[in-house]
PDB file of all heavy atoms in Angstrom:
ATOM      1  N   GLU A   1      59.247 143.308   2.069  1.00  0.00           N
ATOM      2  CA  GLU A   1      60.606 142.948   2.438  1.00  0.00           C
ATOM      3  C   GLU A   1      61.537 144.113   2.130  1.00  0.00           C
ATOM      4  O   GLU A   1      61.500 144.666   1.094  1.00  0.00           O
ATOM      5  CB  GLU A   1      60.997 141.648   1.846  1.00  0.00           C
ATOM      6  CG  GLU A   1      60.129 140.465   2.378  1.00  0.00           C
ATOM      7  CD  GLU A   1      60.407 139.095   1.639  1.00  0.00           C
ATOM      8  OE1 GLU A   1      60.592 139.147   0.434  1.00  0.00           O
ATOM      9  OE2 GLU A   1      60.438 138.024   2.404  1.00  0.00           O
ATOM     10  N   GLU A   2      62.650 144.181   2.893  1.00  0.00           N
ATOM     11  CA  GLU A   2      63.653 145.243   2.715  1.00  0.00           C
ATOM     12  C   GLU A   2      64.681 144.655   1.890  1.00  0.00           C
ATOM     13  O   GLU A   2      65.340 143.703   2.032  1.00  0.00           O
ATOM     14  CB  GLU A   2      64.249 145.582   4.164  1.00  0.00           C
ATOM     15  CG  GLU A   2      65.347 146.569   4.085  1.00  0.00           C
ATOM     16  CD  GLU A   2      66.045 146.928   5.400  1.00  0.00           C
ATOM     17  OE1 GLU A   2      65.353 146.692   6.436  1.00  0.00           O
ATOM     18  OE2 GLU A   2      67.161 147.269   5.385  1.00  0.00           O
ATOM     19  N   ILE A   3      65.020 145.372   0.832  1.00  0.00           N
ATOM     20  CA  ILE A   3      65.904 144.926  -0.330  1.00  0.00           C
ATOM     21  C   ILE A   3      67.176 145.699  -0.383  1.00  0.00           C
ATOM     22  O   ILE A   3      67.112 146.969  -0.325  1.00  0.00           O
ATOM     23  CB  ILE A   3      65.171 145.014  -1.714  1.00  0.00           C
ATOM     24  CG1 ILE A   3      63.908 144.303  -1.611  1.00  0.00           C
ATOM     25  CG2 ILE A   3      66.074 144.354  -2.757  1.00  0.00           C
ATOM     26  CD1 ILE A   3      63.809 142.879  -1.236  1.00  0.00           C
ATOM     27  N   GLU A   4      68.371 145.025  -0.423  1.00  0.00           N
ATOM     28  CA  GLU A   4      69.674 145.684  -0.607  1.00  0.00           C
ATOM     29  C   GLU A   4      70.133 145.295  -2.063  1.00  0.00           C
ATOM     30  O   GLU A   4      70.236 144.090  -2.408  1.00  0.00           O
ATOM     31  CB  GLU A   4      70.641 145.120   0.400  1.00  0.00           C
ATOM     32  CG  GLU A   4      72.061 145.259   0.095  1.00  0.00           C
ATOM     33  CD  GLU A   4      72.472 146.775  -0.089  1.00  0.00           C
ATOM     34  OE1 GLU A   4      72.312 147.582   0.765  1.00  0.00           O
ATOM     35  OE2 GLU A   4      72.961 147.014  -1.172  1.00  0.00           O
ATOM     36  N   MET A   5      70.346 146.271  -2.919  1.00  0.00           N
ATOM     37  CA  MET A   5      70.663 146.071  -4.273  1.00  0.00           C
ATOM     38  C   MET A   5      71.975 146.594  -4.778  1.00  0.00           C
ATOM     39  O   MET A   5      72.317 146.654  -5.924  1.00  0.00           O
ATOM     40  CB  MET A   5      69.564 146.632  -5.146  1.00  0.00           C
ATOM     41  CG  MET A   5      68.121 146.097  -4.882  1.00  0.00           C
ATOM     42  SD  MET A   5      67.945 144.334  -5.466  1.00  0.00           S
ATOM     43  CE  MET A   5      67.339 144.673  -7.102  1.00  0.00           C
ATOM     44  N   THR A   6      72.780 147.044  -3.699  1.00  0.00           N
ATOM     45  CA  THR A   6      74.115 147.732  -4.246  1.00  0.00           C
ATOM     46  C   THR A   6      75.295 146.949  -3.958  1.00  0.00           C
ATOM     47  O   THR A   6      76.371 147.301  -4.504  1.00  0.00           O
ATOM     48  CB  THR A   6      74.168 149.054  -3.406  1.00  0.00           C
ATOM     49  OG1 THR A   6      74.170 148.865  -1.976  1.00  0.00           O
ATOM     50  CG2 THR A   6      72.992 149.982  -3.757  1.00  0.00           C
ATOM     51  N   LYS A   7      75.266 145.867  -3.159  1.00  0.00           N
ATOM     52  CA  LYS A   7      76.517 145.135  -2.796  1.00  0.00           C
ATOM     53  C   LYS A   7      77.085 144.343  -3.982  1.00  0.00           C
ATOM     54  O   LYS A   7      78.313 144.329  -4.163  1.00  0.00           O
ATOM     55  CB  LYS A   7      76.247 144.255  -1.700  1.00  0.00           C
ATOM     56  CG  LYS A   7      77.478 143.480  -1.187  1.00  0.00           C
ATOM     57  CD  LYS A   7      77.192 142.602   0.047  1.00  0.00           C
ATOM     58  CE  LYS A   7      78.442 141.925   0.523  1.00  0.00           C
ATOM     59  NZ  LYS A   7      78.273 141.250   1.860  1.00  0.00           N
ATOM     60  N   TYR A   8      76.211 143.795  -4.821  1.00  0.00           N
ATOM     61  CA  TYR A   8      76.651 143.030  -5.950  1.00  0.00           C
ATOM     62  C   TYR A   8      76.188 143.568  -7.276  1.00  0.00           C
ATOM     63  O   TYR A   8      75.178 144.381  -7.312  1.00  0.00           O
ATOM     64  CB  TYR A   8      76.165 141.624  -5.814  1.00  0.00           C
ATOM     65  CG  TYR A   8      76.669 140.917  -4.493  1.00  0.00           C
ATOM     66  CD1 TYR A   8      75.792 140.693  -3.384  1.00  0.00           C
ATOM     67  CD2 TYR A   8      78.059 140.388  -4.355  1.00  0.00           C
ATOM     68  CE1 TYR A   8      76.118 140.030  -2.274  1.00  0.00           C
ATOM     69  CE2 TYR A   8      78.337 139.804  -3.216  1.00  0.00           C
ATOM     70  CZ  TYR A   8      77.490 139.633  -2.141  1.00  0.00           C
ATOM     71  OH  TYR A   8      77.904 139.034  -0.976  1.00  0.00           O
ATOM     72  N   ASN A   9      76.709 143.109  -8.333  1.00  0.00           N
ATOM     73  CA  ASN A   9      76.220 143.441  -9.650  1.00  0.00           C
ATOM     74  C   ASN A   9      74.999 142.802 -10.038  1.00  0.00           C
ATOM     75  O   ASN A   9      74.024 143.444 -10.595  1.00  0.00           O
ATOM     76  CB  ASN A   9      77.314 143.055 -10.721  1.00  0.00           C
ATOM     77  CG  ASN A   9      78.562 143.978 -10.510  1.00  0.00           C
ATOM     78  OD1 ASN A   9      78.637 145.172 -10.755  1.00  0.00           O
ATOM     79  ND2 ASN A   9      79.667 143.307 -10.193  1.00  0.00           N
ATOM     80  N   ASP A  10      74.899 141.560  -9.672  1.00  0.00           N
ATOM     81  CA  ASP A  10      73.795 140.721 -10.259  1.00  0.00           C
ATOM     82  C   ASP A  10      73.023 139.912  -9.207  1.00  0.00           C
ATOM     83  O   ASP A  10      72.362 138.921  -9.450  1.00  0.00           O
ATOM     84  CB  ASP A  10      74.214 139.871 -11.356  1.00  0.00           C
ATOM     85  CG  ASP A  10      74.489 140.596 -12.607  1.00  0.00           C
ATOM     86  OD1 ASP A  10      73.698 141.273 -13.222  1.00  0.00           O
ATOM     87  OD2 ASP A  10      75.751 140.676 -12.982  1.00  0.00           O
ATOM     88  N   ILE A  11      73.334 140.227  -7.883  1.00  0.00           N
ATOM     89  CA  ILE A  11      72.713 139.556  -6.726  1.00  0.00           C
ATOM     90  C   ILE A  11      72.075 140.589  -5.844  1.00  0.00           C
ATOM     91  O   ILE A  11      72.591 141.575  -5.557  1.00  0.00           O
ATOM     92  CB  ILE A  11      73.710 138.673  -5.970  1.00  0.00           C
ATOM     93  CG1 ILE A  11      74.293 137.695  -6.822  1.00  0.00           C
ATOM     94  CG2 ILE A  11      73.095 138.094  -4.690  1.00  0.00           C
ATOM     95  CD1 ILE A  11      75.526 136.901  -6.092  1.00  0.00           C
ATOM     96  N   GLY A  12      70.751 140.329  -5.463  1.00  0.00           N
ATOM     97  CA  GLY A  12      70.080 141.124  -4.585  1.00  0.00           C
ATOM     98  C   GLY A  12      70.053 140.398  -3.191  1.00  0.00           C
ATOM     99  O   GLY A  12      70.250 139.200  -3.053  1.00  0.00           O
ATOM    100  N   ILE A  13      69.798 141.203  -2.066  1.00  0.00           N
ATOM    101  CA  ILE A  13      69.681 140.597  -0.780  1.00  0.00           C
ATOM    102  C   ILE A  13      68.410 141.118  -0.105  1.00  0.00           C
ATOM    103  O   ILE A  13      68.151 142.255  -0.096  1.00  0.00           O
ATOM    104  CB  ILE A  13      70.955 140.928   0.055  1.00  0.00           C
ATOM    105  CG1 ILE A  13      72.205 140.666  -0.720  1.00  0.00           C
ATOM    106  CG2 ILE A  13      70.830 140.269   1.426  1.00  0.00           C
ATOM    107  CD1 ILE A  13      73.426 141.306   0.009  1.00  0.00           C
ATOM    108  N   ILE A  14      67.666 140.215   0.518  1.00  0.00           N
ATOM    109  CA  ILE A  14      66.580 140.567   1.344  1.00  0.00           C
ATOM    110  C   ILE A  14      67.115 140.643   2.766  1.00  0.00           C
ATOM    111  O   ILE A  14      67.757 139.636   3.351  1.00  0.00           O
ATOM    112  CB  ILE A  14      65.433 139.648   1.346  1.00  0.00           C
ATOM    113  CG1 ILE A  14      64.881 139.540  -0.086  1.00  0.00           C
ATOM    114  CG2 ILE A  14      64.251 139.932   2.349  1.00  0.00           C
ATOM    115  CD1 ILE A  14      63.916 138.297  -0.253  1.00  0.00           C
ATOM    116  N   LYS A  15      67.064 141.838   3.442  1.00  0.00           N
ATOM    117  CA  LYS A  15      67.484 141.973   4.806  1.00  0.00           C
ATOM    118  C   LYS A  15      66.432 141.799   5.809  1.00  0.00           C
ATOM    119  O   LYS A  15      65.390 142.392   5.648  1.00  0.00           O
ATOM    120  CB  LYS A  15      68.137 143.398   4.963  1.00  0.00           C
ATOM    121  CG  LYS A  15      69.297 143.720   3.897  1.00  0.00           C
ATOM    122  CD  LYS A  15      70.471 142.853   3.991  1.00  0.00           C
ATOM    123  CE  LYS A  15      71.286 143.024   5.231  1.00  0.00           C
ATOM    124  NZ  LYS A  15      72.562 142.401   5.144  1.00  0.00           N
ATOM    125  N   ASN A  16      66.715 140.958   6.809  1.00  0.00           N
ATOM    126  CA  ASN A  16      65.640 140.621   7.861  1.00  0.00           C
ATOM    127  C   ASN A  16      66.033 140.970   9.191  1.00  0.00           C
ATOM    128  O   ASN A  16      67.162 140.658   9.557  1.00  0.00           O
ATOM    129  CB  ASN A  16      65.251 139.183   7.731  1.00  0.00           C
ATOM    130  CG  ASN A  16      64.518 138.781   6.497  1.00  0.00           C
ATOM    131  OD1 ASN A  16      63.472 139.102   6.351  1.00  0.00           O
ATOM    132  ND2 ASN A  16      65.192 138.114   5.650  1.00  0.00           N
ATOM    133  N   LYS A  17      65.260 141.784   9.906  1.00  0.00           N
ATOM    134  CA  LYS A  17      65.476 142.009  11.287  1.00  0.00           C
ATOM    135  C   LYS A  17      64.731 140.910  12.099  1.00  0.00           C
ATOM    136  O   LYS A  17      63.650 140.522  11.691  1.00  0.00           O
ATOM    137  CB  LYS A  17      64.946 143.359  11.683  1.00  0.00           C
ATOM    138  CG  LYS A  17      65.701 144.556  11.013  1.00  0.00           C
ATOM    139  CD  LYS A  17      65.033 145.759  11.327  1.00  0.00           C
ATOM    140  CE  LYS A  17      65.607 146.997  10.462  1.00  0.00           C
ATOM    141  NZ  LYS A  17      64.915 148.218  10.750  1.00  0.00           N
ATOM    142  N   HIS A  18      65.359 140.455  13.232  1.00  0.00           N
ATOM    143  CA  HIS A  18      64.768 139.367  13.939  1.00  0.00           C
ATOM    144  C   HIS A  18      63.384 139.772  14.493  1.00  0.00           C
ATOM    145  O   HIS A  18      62.421 138.917  14.470  1.00  0.00           O
ATOM    146  CB  HIS A  18      65.731 138.973  15.094  1.00  0.00           C
ATOM    147  CG  HIS A  18      65.147 137.805  15.932  1.00  0.00           C
ATOM    148  ND1 HIS A  18      64.374 137.887  16.988  1.00  0.00           N
ATOM    149  CD2 HIS A  18      65.251 136.447  15.581  1.00  0.00           C
ATOM    150  CE1 HIS A  18      64.034 136.621  17.477  1.00  0.00           C
ATOM    151  NE2 HIS A  18      64.558 135.824  16.676  1.00  0.00           N
ATOM    152  N   SER A  19      63.312 141.047  14.786  1.00  0.00           N
ATOM    153  CA  SER A  19      61.937 141.537  15.437  1.00  0.00           C
ATOM    154  C   SER A  19      60.932 141.477  14.318  1.00  0.00           C
ATOM    155  O   SER A  19      59.675 141.648  14.683  1.00  0.00           O
ATOM    156  CB  SER A  19      62.138 142.945  15.857  1.00  0.00           C
ATOM    157  OG  SER A  19      62.632 143.795  14.946  1.00  0.00           O
ATOM    158  N   SER A  20      61.194 141.518  13.059  1.00  0.00           N
ATOM    159  CA  SER A  20      60.188 141.506  12.003  1.00  0.00           C
ATOM    160  C   SER A  20      59.483 140.186  11.770  1.00  0.00           C
ATOM    161  O   SER A  20      58.565 140.114  10.922  1.00  0.00           O
ATOM    162  CB  SER A  20      60.784 141.928  10.697  1.00  0.00           C
ATOM    163  OG  SER A  20      61.673 141.016  10.220  1.00  0.00           O
ATOM    164  N   PHE A  21      59.940 139.137  12.523  1.00  0.00           N
ATOM    165  CA  PHE A  21      59.342 137.867  12.392  1.00  0.00           C
ATOM    166  C   PHE A  21      58.636 137.361  13.589  1.00  0.00           C
ATOM    167  O   PHE A  21      59.127 137.462  14.649  1.00  0.00           O
ATOM    168  CB  PHE A  21      60.449 136.789  11.956  1.00  0.00           C
ATOM    169  CG  PHE A  21      60.769 136.649  10.629  1.00  0.00           C
ATOM    170  CD1 PHE A  21      61.563 137.605   9.923  1.00  0.00           C
ATOM    171  CD2 PHE A  21      60.177 135.696   9.812  1.00  0.00           C
ATOM    172  CE1 PHE A  21      61.856 137.560   8.492  1.00  0.00           C
ATOM    173  CE2 PHE A  21      60.342 135.576   8.399  1.00  0.00           C
ATOM    174  CZ  PHE A  21      61.192 136.500   7.878  1.00  0.00           C
ATOM    175  N   ASP A  22      57.422 137.018  13.406  1.00  0.00           N
ATOM    176  CA  ASP A  22      56.617 136.384  14.536  1.00  0.00           C
ATOM    177  C   ASP A  22      57.320 135.051  15.053  1.00  0.00           C
ATOM    178  O   ASP A  22      57.803 134.329  14.175  1.00  0.00           O
ATOM    179  CB  ASP A  22      55.209 136.108  14.189  1.00  0.00           C
ATOM    180  CG  ASP A  22      54.476 137.439  13.794  1.00  0.00           C
ATOM    181  OD1 ASP A  22      54.796 138.429  14.511  1.00  0.00           O
ATOM    182  OD2 ASP A  22      53.551 137.335  13.055  1.00  0.00           O
ATOM    183  N   HIS A  23      57.270 134.828  16.370  1.00  0.00           N
ATOM    184  CA  HIS A  23      57.894 133.588  16.735  1.00  0.00           C
ATOM    185  C   HIS A  23      57.078 132.477  16.213  1.00  0.00           C
ATOM    186  O   HIS A  23      55.772 132.464  16.281  1.00  0.00           O
ATOM    187  CB  HIS A  23      57.910 133.555  18.298  1.00  0.00           C
ATOM    188  CG  HIS A  23      58.397 132.261  18.796  1.00  0.00           C
ATOM    189  ND1 HIS A  23      59.665 131.839  18.837  1.00  0.00           N
ATOM    190  CD2 HIS A  23      57.659 131.221  19.508  1.00  0.00           C
ATOM    191  CE1 HIS A  23      59.855 130.663  19.298  1.00  0.00           C
ATOM    192  NE2 HIS A  23      58.652 130.314  19.778  1.00  0.00           N
ATOM    193  N   ILE A  24      57.721 131.453  15.602  1.00  0.00           N
ATOM    194  CA  ILE A  24      57.011 130.327  15.152  1.00  0.00           C
ATOM    195  C   ILE A  24      57.331 128.996  15.983  1.00  0.00           C
ATOM    196  O   ILE A  24      58.454 128.723  16.243  1.00  0.00           O
ATOM    197  CB  ILE A  24      57.435 130.027  13.712  1.00  0.00           C
ATOM    198  CG1 ILE A  24      56.571 128.914  13.097  1.00  0.00           C
ATOM    199  CG2 ILE A  24      58.946 129.705  13.483  1.00  0.00           C
ATOM    200  CD1 ILE A  24      56.692 128.798  11.645  1.00  0.00           C
ATOM    201  N   ASP A  25      56.237 128.606  16.611  1.00  0.00           N
ATOM    202  CA  ASP A  25      56.352 127.448  17.507  1.00  0.00           C
ATOM    203  C   ASP A  25      56.027 126.085  16.780  1.00  0.00           C
ATOM    204  O   ASP A  25      54.701 125.980  16.319  1.00  0.00           O
ATOM    205  CB  ASP A  25      55.485 127.620  18.731  1.00  0.00           C
ATOM    206  CG  ASP A  25      55.655 126.511  19.808  1.00  0.00           C
ATOM    207  OD1 ASP A  25      56.363 125.604  19.543  1.00  0.00           O
ATOM    208  OD2 ASP A  25      55.138 126.694  20.880  1.00  0.00           O
ATOM    209  N   LEU A  26      56.890 125.245  16.549  1.00  0.00           N
ATOM    210  CA  LEU A  26      56.585 124.012  15.781  1.00  0.00           C
ATOM    211  C   LEU A  26      55.979 122.909  16.612  1.00  0.00           C
ATOM    212  O   LEU A  26      55.628 121.810  16.158  1.00  0.00           O
ATOM    213  CB  LEU A  26      57.861 123.479  15.139  1.00  0.00           C
ATOM    214  CG  LEU A  26      58.525 124.282  14.000  1.00  0.00           C
ATOM    215  CD1 LEU A  26      59.782 123.691  13.519  1.00  0.00           C
ATOM    216  CD2 LEU A  26      57.544 124.540  12.894  1.00  0.00           C
ATOM    217  N   LYS A  27      55.683 123.136  17.930  1.00  0.00           N
ATOM    218  CA  LYS A  27      55.242 122.039  18.863  1.00  0.00           C
ATOM    219  C   LYS A  27      53.781 121.580  18.327  1.00  0.00           C
ATOM    220  O   LYS A  27      53.610 120.387  18.309  1.00  0.00           O
ATOM    221  CB  LYS A  27      55.100 122.580  20.289  1.00  0.00           C
ATOM    222  CG  LYS A  27      56.433 122.833  20.938  1.00  0.00           C
ATOM    223  CD  LYS A  27      56.184 123.248  22.383  1.00  0.00           C
ATOM    224  CE  LYS A  27      57.603 123.587  23.041  1.00  0.00           C
ATOM    225  NZ  LYS A  27      57.425 124.111  24.355  1.00  0.00           N
ATOM    226  N   ARG A  28      52.918 122.604  17.964  1.00  0.00           N
ATOM    227  CA  ARG A  28      51.651 122.111  17.495  1.00  0.00           C
ATOM    228  C   ARG A  28      51.809 121.199  16.299  1.00  0.00           C
ATOM    229  O   ARG A  28      51.090 120.189  16.115  1.00  0.00           O
ATOM    230  CB  ARG A  28      50.798 123.343  17.263  1.00  0.00           C
ATOM    231  CG  ARG A  28      49.516 123.065  16.438  1.00  0.00           C
ATOM    232  CD  ARG A  28      48.709 124.275  16.187  1.00  0.00           C
ATOM    233  NE  ARG A  28      47.690 124.009  15.136  1.00  0.00           N
ATOM    234  CZ  ARG A  28      46.520 124.643  15.225  1.00  0.00           C
ATOM    235  NH1 ARG A  28      46.224 125.541  16.003  1.00  0.00           N
ATOM    236  NH2 ARG A  28      45.740 124.330  14.076  1.00  0.00           N
ATOM    237  N   LEU A  29      52.649 121.710  15.277  1.00  0.00           N
ATOM    238  CA  LEU A  29      52.799 120.870  14.083  1.00  0.00           C
ATOM    239  C   LEU A  29      53.377 119.533  14.299  1.00  0.00           C
ATOM    240  O   LEU A  29      52.965 118.548  13.700  1.00  0.00           O
ATOM    241  CB  LEU A  29      53.589 121.759  13.047  1.00  0.00           C
ATOM    242  CG  LEU A  29      53.834 121.081  11.616  1.00  0.00           C
ATOM    243  CD1 LEU A  29      52.514 120.821  10.991  1.00  0.00           C
ATOM    244  CD2 LEU A  29      54.779 122.030  10.706  1.00  0.00           C
ATOM    245  N   ARG A  30      54.394 119.480  15.191  1.00  0.00           N
ATOM    246  CA  ARG A  30      54.963 118.182  15.569  1.00  0.00           C
ATOM    247  C   ARG A  30      53.992 117.326  16.187  1.00  0.00           C
ATOM    248  O   ARG A  30      53.831 116.065  15.962  1.00  0.00           O
ATOM    249  CB  ARG A  30      56.060 118.421  16.485  1.00  0.00           C
ATOM    250  CG  ARG A  30      57.394 119.001  15.880  1.00  0.00           C
ATOM    251  CD  ARG A  30      58.466 119.069  16.866  1.00  0.00           C
ATOM    252  NE  ARG A  30      59.621 119.898  16.322  1.00  0.00           N
ATOM    253  CZ  ARG A  30      60.536 119.511  15.554  1.00  0.00           C
ATOM    254  NH1 ARG A  30      60.491 118.361  15.109  1.00  0.00           N
ATOM    255  NH2 ARG A  30      61.486 120.410  15.178  1.00  0.00           N
ATOM    256  N   LYS A  31      53.097 117.783  17.073  1.00  0.00           N
ATOM    257  CA  LYS A  31      52.019 117.073  17.724  1.00  0.00           C
ATOM    258  C   LYS A  31      51.059 116.514  16.660  1.00  0.00           C
ATOM    259  O   LYS A  31      50.752 115.318  16.733  1.00  0.00           O
ATOM    260  CB  LYS A  31      51.301 117.915  18.769  1.00  0.00           C
ATOM    261  CG  LYS A  31      50.356 117.073  19.620  1.00  0.00           C
ATOM    262  CD  LYS A  31      49.729 117.943  20.686  1.00  0.00           C
ATOM    263  CE  LYS A  31      48.751 117.195  21.587  1.00  0.00           C
ATOM    264  NZ  LYS A  31      48.103 118.005  22.598  1.00  0.00           N
ATOM    265  N   LYS A  32      50.689 117.324  15.770  1.00  0.00           N
ATOM    266  CA  LYS A  32      49.777 116.883  14.742  1.00  0.00           C
ATOM    267  C   LYS A  32      50.307 115.793  13.855  1.00  0.00           C
ATOM    268  O   LYS A  32      49.746 114.838  13.458  1.00  0.00           O
ATOM    269  CB  LYS A  32      49.397 118.027  13.881  1.00  0.00           C
ATOM    270  CG  LYS A  32      48.341 119.078  14.434  1.00  0.00           C
ATOM    271  CD  LYS A  32      46.921 118.635  14.379  1.00  0.00           C
ATOM    272  CE  LYS A  32      45.928 119.718  14.715  1.00  0.00           C
ATOM    273  NZ  LYS A  32      44.566 119.345  14.532  1.00  0.00           N
ATOM    274  N   TYR A  33      51.579 116.000  13.495  1.00  0.00           N
ATOM    275  CA  TYR A  33      52.353 115.109  12.657  1.00  0.00           C
ATOM    276  C   TYR A  33      52.482 113.624  13.425  1.00  0.00           C
ATOM    277  O   TYR A  33      52.175 112.603  12.710  1.00  0.00           O
ATOM    278  CB  TYR A  33      53.875 115.682  12.406  1.00  0.00           C
ATOM    279  CG  TYR A  33      54.694 114.880  11.667  1.00  0.00           C
ATOM    280  CD1 TYR A  33      54.810 114.801  10.339  1.00  0.00           C
ATOM    281  CD2 TYR A  33      55.673 114.017  12.383  1.00  0.00           C
ATOM    282  CE1 TYR A  33      55.719 114.099   9.623  1.00  0.00           C
ATOM    283  CE2 TYR A  33      56.500 113.185  11.616  1.00  0.00           C
ATOM    284  CZ  TYR A  33      56.588 113.288  10.278  1.00  0.00           C
ATOM    285  OH  TYR A  33      57.530 112.406   9.679  1.00  0.00           O
ATOM    286  N   THR A  34      52.779 113.706  14.651  1.00  0.00           N
ATOM    287  CA  THR A  34      52.832 112.428  15.360  1.00  0.00           C
ATOM    288  C   THR A  34      51.528 111.735  15.458  1.00  0.00           C
ATOM    289  O   THR A  34      51.445 110.490  15.268  1.00  0.00           O
ATOM    290  CB  THR A  34      53.374 112.720  16.825  1.00  0.00           C
ATOM    291  OG1 THR A  34      54.755 113.275  16.712  1.00  0.00           O
ATOM    292  CG2 THR A  34      53.526 111.370  17.626  1.00  0.00           C
ATOM    293  N   THR A  35      50.458 112.451  15.665  1.00  0.00           N
ATOM    294  CA  THR A  35      49.143 111.955  15.708  1.00  0.00           C
ATOM    295  C   THR A  35      48.677 111.355  14.336  1.00  0.00           C
ATOM    296  O   THR A  35      48.069 110.185  14.292  1.00  0.00           O
ATOM    297  CB  THR A  35      48.073 113.091  16.133  1.00  0.00           C
ATOM    298  OG1 THR A  35      48.438 113.621  17.387  1.00  0.00           O
ATOM    299  CG2 THR A  35      46.634 112.507  16.181  1.00  0.00           C
ATOM    300  N   TRP A  36      48.975 111.988  13.268  1.00  0.00           N
ATOM    301  CA  TRP A  36      48.706 111.490  12.022  1.00  0.00           C
ATOM    302  C   TRP A  36      49.383 110.158  11.787  1.00  0.00           C
ATOM    303  O   TRP A  36      48.794 109.226  11.236  1.00  0.00           O
ATOM    304  CB  TRP A  36      48.992 112.478  10.898  1.00  0.00           C
ATOM    305  CG  TRP A  36      48.159 113.678  10.834  1.00  0.00           C
ATOM    306  CD1 TRP A  36      46.686 113.685  11.023  1.00  0.00           C
ATOM    307  CD2 TRP A  36      48.508 114.992  10.453  1.00  0.00           C
ATOM    308  NE1 TRP A  36      46.235 114.935  10.844  1.00  0.00           N
ATOM    309  CE2 TRP A  36      47.263 115.772  10.454  1.00  0.00           C
ATOM    310  CE3 TRP A  36      49.632 115.697  10.152  1.00  0.00           C
ATOM    311  CZ2 TRP A  36      47.351 117.119  10.190  1.00  0.00           C
ATOM    312  CZ3 TRP A  36      49.670 117.004   9.876  1.00  0.00           C
ATOM    313  CH2 TRP A  36      48.464 117.727   9.849  1.00  0.00           C
TER     314      TRP A  36
END
């Protein structure tokens, strides 16, 4: 993960680019949940 440590004294930030995340499709989980 990309870390930003300079903006605050005691708070760090993880910077995320949208392209760095795989698309997550909850349809399968919802279908399983309903079936259960």
